[in-house]
PDB file of N, CA and C in Angstrom:
ATOM      1  N   MET A   1       0.826  -1.195   0.000  1.00  0.00           N
ATOM      2  CA  MET A   1       0.000   0.000   0.000  1.00  0.00           C
ATOM      3  C   MET A   1       0.868   1.256   0.000  1.00  0.00           C
ATOM      4  N   ALA A   2       1.985   1.214   0.725  1.00  0.00           N
ATOM      5  CA  ALA A   2       2.882   2.367   0.780  1.00  0.00           C
ATOM      6  C   ALA A   2       3.521   2.620  -0.580  1.00  0.00           C
ATOM      7  N   ALA A   3       3.796   1.535  -1.319  1.00  0.00           N
ATOM      8  CA  ALA A   3       4.412   1.682  -2.634  1.00  0.00           C
ATOM      9  C   ALA A   3       3.458   2.377  -3.597  1.00  0.00           C
ATOM     10  N   ILE A   4       2.184   2.064  -3.497  1.00  0.00           N
ATOM     11  CA  ILE A   4       1.189   2.697  -4.365  1.00  0.00           C
ATOM     12  C   ILE A   4       1.083   4.180  -4.044  1.00  0.00           C
ATOM     13  N   LYS A   5       1.059   4.499  -2.755  1.00  0.00           N
ATOM     14  CA  LYS A   5       0.957   5.897  -2.336  1.00  0.00           C
ATOM     15  C   LYS A   5       2.184   6.679  -2.795  1.00  0.00           C
ATOM     16  N   GLU A   6       3.360   6.060  -2.705  1.00  0.00           N
ATOM     17  CA  GLU A   6       4.599   6.712  -3.138  1.00  0.00           C
ATOM     18  C   GLU A   6       4.588   6.926  -4.657  1.00  0.00           C
ATOM     19  N   SER A   7       4.071   5.940  -5.397  1.00  0.00           N
ATOM     20  CA  SER A   7       3.992   6.065  -6.850  1.00  0.00           C
ATOM     21  C   SER A   7       3.065   7.200  -7.249  1.00  0.00           C
ATOM     22  N   ILE A   8       1.944   7.322  -6.556  1.00  0.00           N
ATOM     23  CA  ILE A   8       0.991   8.395  -6.849  1.00  0.00           C
ATOM     24  C   ILE A   8       1.622   9.751  -6.548  1.00  0.00           C
ATOM     25  N   THR A   9       2.359   9.835  -5.452  1.00  0.00           N
ATOM     26  CA  THR A   9       3.041  11.079  -5.092  1.00  0.00           C
ATOM     27  C   THR A   9       4.083  11.447  -6.143  1.00  0.00           C
ATOM     28  N   GLU A  10       4.853  10.449  -6.609  1.00  0.00           N
ATOM     29  CA  GLU A  10       5.868  10.700  -7.638  1.00  0.00           C
ATOM     30  C   GLU A  10       5.224  11.138  -8.951  1.00  0.00           C
ATOM     31  N   LEU A  11       4.100  10.525  -9.306  1.00  0.00           N
ATOM     32  CA  LEU A  11       3.387  10.902 -10.517  1.00  0.00           C
ATOM     33  C   LEU A  11       2.902  12.343 -10.410  1.00  0.00           C
ATOM     34  N   GLY A  12       2.362  12.707  -9.273  1.00  0.00           N
ATOM     35  CA  GLY A  12       1.896  14.079  -9.066  1.00  0.00           C
ATOM     36  C   GLY A  12       3.032  15.077  -9.197  1.00  0.00           C
ATOM     37  N   GLN A  13       4.189  14.754  -8.631  1.00  0.00           N
ATOM     38  CA  GLN A  13       5.350  15.634  -8.720  1.00  0.00           C
ATOM     39  C   GLN A  13       5.829  15.747 -10.165  1.00  0.00           C
ATOM     40  N   TYR A  14       5.827  14.626 -10.874  1.00  0.00           N
ATOM     41  CA  TYR A  14       6.235  14.625 -12.280  1.00  0.00           C
ATOM     42  C   TYR A  14       5.325  15.539 -13.100  1.00  0.00           C
ATOM     43  N   LEU A  15       4.014  15.407 -12.916  1.00  0.00           N
ATOM     44  CA  LEU A  15       3.066  16.232 -13.656  1.00  0.00           C
ATOM     45  C   LEU A  15       3.228  17.715 -13.309  1.00  0.00           C
ATOM     46  N   LYS A  16       3.473  18.016 -12.060  1.00  0.00           N
ATOM     47  CA  LYS A  16       3.678  19.394 -11.617  1.00  0.00           C
ATOM     48  C   LYS A  16       4.936  19.968 -12.260  1.00  0.00           C
ATOM     49  N   ASP A  17       6.024  19.184 -12.278  1.00  0.00           N
ATOM     50  CA  ASP A  17       7.272  19.629 -12.895  1.00  0.00           C
ATOM     51  C   ASP A  17       7.110  19.805 -14.403  1.00  0.00           C
ATOM     52  N   SER A  18       6.366  18.890 -15.018  1.00  0.00           N
ATOM     53  CA  SER A  18       6.135  18.973 -16.467  1.00  0.00           C
ATOM     54  C   SER A  18       5.363  20.239 -16.821  1.00  0.00           C
ATOM     55  N   LYS A  19       4.378  20.566 -16.027  1.00  0.00           N
ATOM     56  CA  LYS A  19       3.598  21.777 -16.263  1.00  0.00           C
ATOM     57  C   LYS A  19       4.486  23.010 -16.167  1.00  0.00           C
ATOM     58  N   GLY A  20       5.383  23.022 -15.194  1.00  0.00           N
ATOM     59  CA  GLY A  20       6.312  24.140 -15.048  1.00  0.00           C
ATOM     60  C   GLY A  20       7.251  24.265 -16.239  1.00  0.00           C
ATOM     61  N   GLU A  21       7.730  23.141 -16.748  1.00  0.00           N
ATOM     62  CA  GLU A  21       8.621  23.156 -17.906  1.00  0.00           C
ATOM     63  C   GLU A  21       7.889  23.625 -19.164  1.00  0.00           C
ATOM     64  N   MET A  22       6.637  23.230 -19.324  1.00  0.00           N
ATOM     65  CA  MET A  22       5.868  23.633 -20.500  1.00  0.00           C
ATOM     66  C   MET A  22       5.641  25.142 -20.530  1.00  0.00           C
ATOM     67  N   LYS A  23       5.606  25.773 -19.370  1.00  0.00           N
ATOM     68  CA  LYS A  23       5.443  27.225 -19.321  1.00  0.00           C
ATOM     69  C   LYS A  23       6.701  27.937 -19.823  1.00  0.00           C
ATOM     70  N   LYS A  24       7.849  27.263 -19.777  1.00  0.00           N
ATOM     71  CA  LYS A  24       9.107  27.858 -20.216  1.00  0.00           C
ATOM     72  C   LYS A  24       9.326  27.738 -21.727  1.00  0.00           C
ATOM     73  N   VAL A  25       8.512  26.928 -22.388  1.00  0.00           N
ATOM     74  CA  VAL A  25       8.696  26.684 -23.817  1.00  0.00           C
ATOM     75  C   VAL A  25       8.326  27.920 -24.617  1.00  0.00           C
ATOM     76  N   THR A  26       9.170  28.264 -25.608  1.00  0.00           N
ATOM     77  CA  THR A  26       8.860  29.340 -26.531  1.00  0.00           C
ATOM     78  C   THR A  26       8.310  28.696 -27.796  1.00  0.00           C
ATOM     79  N   TRP A  27       7.012  28.855 -28.026  1.00  0.00           N
ATOM     80  CA  TRP A  27       6.356  28.221 -29.156  1.00  0.00           C
ATOM     81  C   TRP A  27       6.537  29.065 -30.403  1.00  0.00           C
ATOM     82  N   PRO A  28       6.710  28.442 -31.572  1.00  0.00           N
ATOM     83  CA  PRO A  28       6.859  29.213 -32.810  1.00  0.00           C
ATOM     84  C   PRO A  28       5.534  29.862 -33.206  1.00  0.00           C
ATOM     85  N   SER A  29       5.662  30.927 -34.003  1.00  0.00           N
ATOM     86  CA  SER A  29       4.452  31.607 -34.464  1.00  0.00           C
ATOM     87  C   SER A  29       3.744  30.739 -35.505  1.00  0.00           C
ATOM     88  N   ARG A  30       2.522  31.098 -35.814  1.00  0.00           N
ATOM     89  CA  ARG A  30       1.755  30.363 -36.823  1.00  0.00           C
ATOM     90  C   ARG A  30       2.462  30.434 -38.175  1.00  0.00           C
ATOM     91  N   LYS A  31       2.987  31.623 -38.513  1.00  0.00           N
ATOM     92  CA  LYS A  31       3.671  31.811 -39.788  1.00  0.00           C
ATOM     93  C   LYS A  31       4.913  30.921 -39.870  1.00  0.00           C
ATOM     94  N   ALA A  32       5.689  30.853 -38.804  1.00  0.00           N
ATOM     95  CA  ALA A  32       6.895  30.020 -38.782  1.00  0.00           C
ATOM     96  C   ALA A  32       6.528  28.543 -38.883  1.00  0.00           C
ATOM     97  N   THR A  33       5.474  28.142 -38.213  1.00  0.00           N
ATOM     98  CA  THR A  33       5.036  26.747 -38.257  1.00  0.00           C
ATOM     99  C   THR A  33       4.620  26.349 -39.665  1.00  0.00           C
ATOM    100  N   ILE A  34       3.866  27.204 -40.336  1.00  0.00           N
ATOM    101  CA  ILE A  34       3.429  26.910 -41.706  1.00  0.00           C
ATOM    102  C   ILE A  34       4.630  26.866 -42.647  1.00  0.00           C
ATOM    103  N   GLY A  35       5.554  27.804 -42.499  1.00  0.00           N
ATOM    104  CA  GLY A  35       6.746  27.830 -43.343  1.00  0.00           C
ATOM    105  C   GLY A  35       7.594  26.583 -43.166  1.00  0.00           C
ATOM    106  N   LEU A  36       7.806  26.177 -41.936  1.00  0.00           N
ATOM    107  CA  LEU A  36       8.608  24.978 -41.675  1.00  0.00           C
ATOM    108  C   LEU A  36       7.898  23.716 -42.137  1.00  0.00           C
ATOM    109  N   THR A  37       6.577  23.709 -42.079  1.00  0.00           N
ATOM    110  CA  THR A  37       5.811  22.563 -42.575  1.00  0.00           C
ATOM    111  C   THR A  37       6.024  22.399 -44.075  1.00  0.00           C
ATOM    112  N   TRP A  38       6.017  23.514 -44.817  1.00  0.00           N
ATOM    113  CA  TRP A  38       6.268  23.446 -46.261  1.00  0.00           C
ATOM    114  C   TRP A  38       7.672  22.933 -46.550  1.00  0.00           C
ATOM    115  N   VAL A  39       8.645  23.377 -45.765  1.00  0.00           N
ATOM    116  CA  VAL A  39      10.015  22.901 -45.958  1.00  0.00           C
ATOM    117  C   VAL A  39      10.076  21.387 -45.775  1.00  0.00           C
ATOM    118  N   VAL A  40       9.444  20.883 -44.735  1.00  0.00           N
ATOM    119  CA  VAL A  40       9.431  19.442 -44.480  1.00  0.00           C
ATOM    120  C   VAL A  40       8.760  18.695 -45.627  1.00  0.00           C
ATOM    121  N   LEU A  41       7.635  19.180 -46.106  1.00  0.00           N
ATOM    122  CA  LEU A  41       6.924  18.519 -47.205  1.00  0.00           C
ATOM    123  C   LEU A  41       7.768  18.477 -48.473  1.00  0.00           C
ATOM    124  N   VAL A  42       8.453  19.568 -48.792  1.00  0.00           N
ATOM    125  CA  VAL A  42       9.292  19.609 -49.992  1.00  0.00           C
ATOM    126  C   VAL A  42      10.463  18.638 -49.854  1.00  0.00           C
ATOM    127  N   VAL A  43      11.113  18.626 -48.697  1.00  0.00           N
ATOM    128  CA  VAL A  43      12.243  17.717 -48.481  1.00  0.00           C
ATOM    129  C   VAL A  43      11.778  16.264 -48.572  1.00  0.00           C
ATOM    130  N   VAL A  44      10.642  15.947 -47.986  1.00  0.00           N
ATOM    131  CA  VAL A  44      10.109  14.581 -48.055  1.00  0.00           C
ATOM    132  C   VAL A  44       9.815  14.200 -49.505  1.00  0.00           C
ATOM    133  N   LEU A  45       9.253  15.108 -50.281  1.00  0.00           N
ATOM    134  CA  LEU A  45       8.961  14.845 -51.692  1.00  0.00           C
ATOM    135  C   LEU A  45      10.248  14.578 -52.472  1.00  0.00           C
ATOM    136  N   ILE A  46      11.256  15.404 -52.273  1.00  0.00           N
ATOM    137  CA  ILE A  46      12.529  15.229 -52.974  1.00  0.00           C
ATOM    138  C   ILE A  46      13.174  13.900 -52.613  1.00  0.00           C
ATOM    139  N   ILE A  47      13.219  13.585 -51.334  1.00  0.00           N
ATOM    140  CA  ILE A  47      13.835  12.325 -50.906  1.00  0.00           C
ATOM    141  C   ILE A  47      13.053  11.126 -51.419  1.00  0.00           C
ATOM    142  N   SER A  48      11.728  11.206 -51.404  1.00  0.00           N
ATOM    143  CA  SER A  48      10.936  10.072 -51.884  1.00  0.00           C
ATOM    144  C   SER A  48      11.132   9.868 -53.386  1.00  0.00           C
ATOM    145  N   LEU A  49      11.219  10.945 -54.158  1.00  0.00           N
ATOM    146  CA  LEU A  49      11.487  10.814 -55.590  1.00  0.00           C
ATOM    147  C   LEU A  49      12.864  10.191 -55.831  1.00  0.00           C
ATOM    148  N   TYR A  50      13.863  10.656 -55.094  1.00  0.00           N
ATOM    149  CA  TYR A  50      15.220  10.110 -55.229  1.00  0.00           C
ATOM    150  C   TYR A  50      15.232   8.614 -54.906  1.00  0.00           C
ATOM    151  N   LEU A  51      14.629   8.246 -53.797  1.00  0.00           N
ATOM    152  CA  LEU A  51      14.610   6.832 -53.416  1.00  0.00           C
ATOM    153  C   LEU A  51      13.807   5.990 -54.402  1.00  0.00           C
ATOM    154  N   GLY A  52      12.750   6.551 -54.964  1.00  0.00           N
ATOM    155  CA  GLY A  52      11.970   5.829 -55.963  1.00  0.00           C
ATOM    156  C   GLY A  52      12.789   5.555 -57.212  1.00  0.00           C
ATOM    157  N   VAL A  53      13.557   6.549 -57.677  1.00  0.00           N
ATOM    158  CA  VAL A  53      14.407   6.373 -58.854  1.00  0.00           C
ATOM    159  C   VAL A  53      15.502   5.350 -58.567  1.00  0.00           C
ATOM    160  N   VAL A  54      16.138   5.432 -57.407  1.00  0.00           N
ATOM    161  CA  VAL A  54      17.186   4.471 -57.045  1.00  0.00           C
ATOM    162  C   VAL A  54      16.593   3.064 -56.970  1.00  0.00           C
ATOM    163  N   ASP A  55      15.439   2.914 -56.370  1.00  0.00           N
ATOM    164  CA  ASP A  55      14.790   1.608 -56.264  1.00  0.00           C
ATOM    165  C   ASP A  55      14.465   1.040 -57.639  1.00  0.00           C
ATOM    166  N   LEU A  56      13.937   1.877 -58.506  1.00  0.00           N
ATOM    167  CA  LEU A  56      13.615   1.442 -59.864  1.00  0.00           C
ATOM    168  C   LEU A  56      14.883   0.975 -60.591  1.00  0.00           C
ATOM    169  N   GLY A  57      15.937   1.767 -60.480  1.00  0.00           N
ATOM    170  CA  GLY A  57      17.196   1.403 -61.122  1.00  0.00           C
ATOM    171  C   GLY A  57      17.773   0.103 -60.589  1.00  0.00           C
ATOM    172  N   LEU A  58      17.764  -0.055 -59.278  1.00  0.00           N
ATOM    173  CA  LEU A  58      18.301  -1.285 -58.687  1.00  0.00           C
ATOM    174  C   LEU A  58      17.451  -2.499 -59.041  1.00  0.00           C
ATOM    175  N   SER A  59      16.136  -2.332 -59.087  1.00  0.00           N
ATOM    176  CA  SER A  59      15.286  -3.480 -59.441  1.00  0.00           C
ATOM    177  C   SER A  59      15.520  -3.894 -60.892  1.00  0.00           C
ATOM    178  N   LYS A  60      15.706  -2.918 -61.789  1.00  0.00           N
ATOM    179  CA  LYS A  60      16.005  -3.241 -63.190  1.00  0.00           C
ATOM    180  C   LYS A  60      17.362  -3.940 -63.286  1.00  0.00           C
ATOM    181  N   LEU A  61      18.348  -3.493 -62.483  1.00  0.00           N
ATOM    182  CA  LEU A  61      19.674  -4.104 -62.478  1.00  0.00           C
ATOM    183  C   LEU A  61      19.592  -5.559 -62.009  1.00  0.00           C
ATOM    184  N   VAL A  62      18.839  -5.799 -60.949  1.00  0.00           N
ATOM    185  CA  VAL A  62      18.692  -7.156 -60.423  1.00  0.00           C
ATOM    186  C   VAL A  62      17.990  -8.046 -61.457  1.00  0.00           C
ATOM    187  N   LYS A  63      16.937  -7.539 -62.089  1.00  0.00           N
ATOM    188  CA  LYS A  63      16.248  -8.328 -63.129  1.00  0.00           C
ATOM    189  C   LYS A  63      17.203  -8.655 -64.281  1.00  0.00           C
ATOM    190  N   PHE A  64      18.023  -7.685 -64.679  1.00  0.00           N
ATOM    191  CA  PHE A  64      18.985  -7.915 -65.750  1.00  0.00           C
ATOM    192  C   PHE A  64      20.002  -8.987 -65.358  1.00  0.00           C
ATOM    193  N   ILE A  65      20.529  -8.897 -64.141  1.00  0.00           N
ATOM    194  CA  ILE A  65      21.519  -9.863 -63.679  1.00  0.00           C
ATOM    195  C   ILE A  65      20.920 -11.265 -63.589  1.00  0.00           C
ATOM    196  N   LEU A  66      19.700 -11.357 -63.102  1.00  0.00           N
ATOM    197  CA  LEU A  66      19.067 -12.680 -62.950  1.00  0.00           C
ATOM    198  C   LEU A  66      18.635 -13.278 -64.283  1.00  0.00           C
ATOM    199  N   SER A  67      18.419 -12.447 -65.286  1.00  0.00           N
ATOM    200  CA  SER A  67      17.977 -12.971 -66.580  1.00  0.00           C
ATOM    201  C   SER A  67      19.142 -13.452 -67.439  1.00  0.00           C
ATOM    202  N   VAL A  68      20.360 -13.124 -67.064  1.00  0.00           N
ATOM    203  CA  VAL A  68      21.531 -13.521 -67.875  1.00  0.00           C
ATOM    204  C   VAL A  68      21.880 -14.955 -67.657  1.00  0.00           C
TER     205      VAL A  68
END
């Protein structure tokens, strides 16, 4: 029973500390968030296209090697 009470006390302290830390966070503006979201989307698109081309090339290479 004491272990449960101690766990509840520790959880309460953790939540209290977390709330205090969240007050210290400097959140980005809406404009910055939208701008960074576009950057992420463009980078993901570029990387996915690159990986798609590499995958296509490697699969054609493997098919060529196996057909010989």
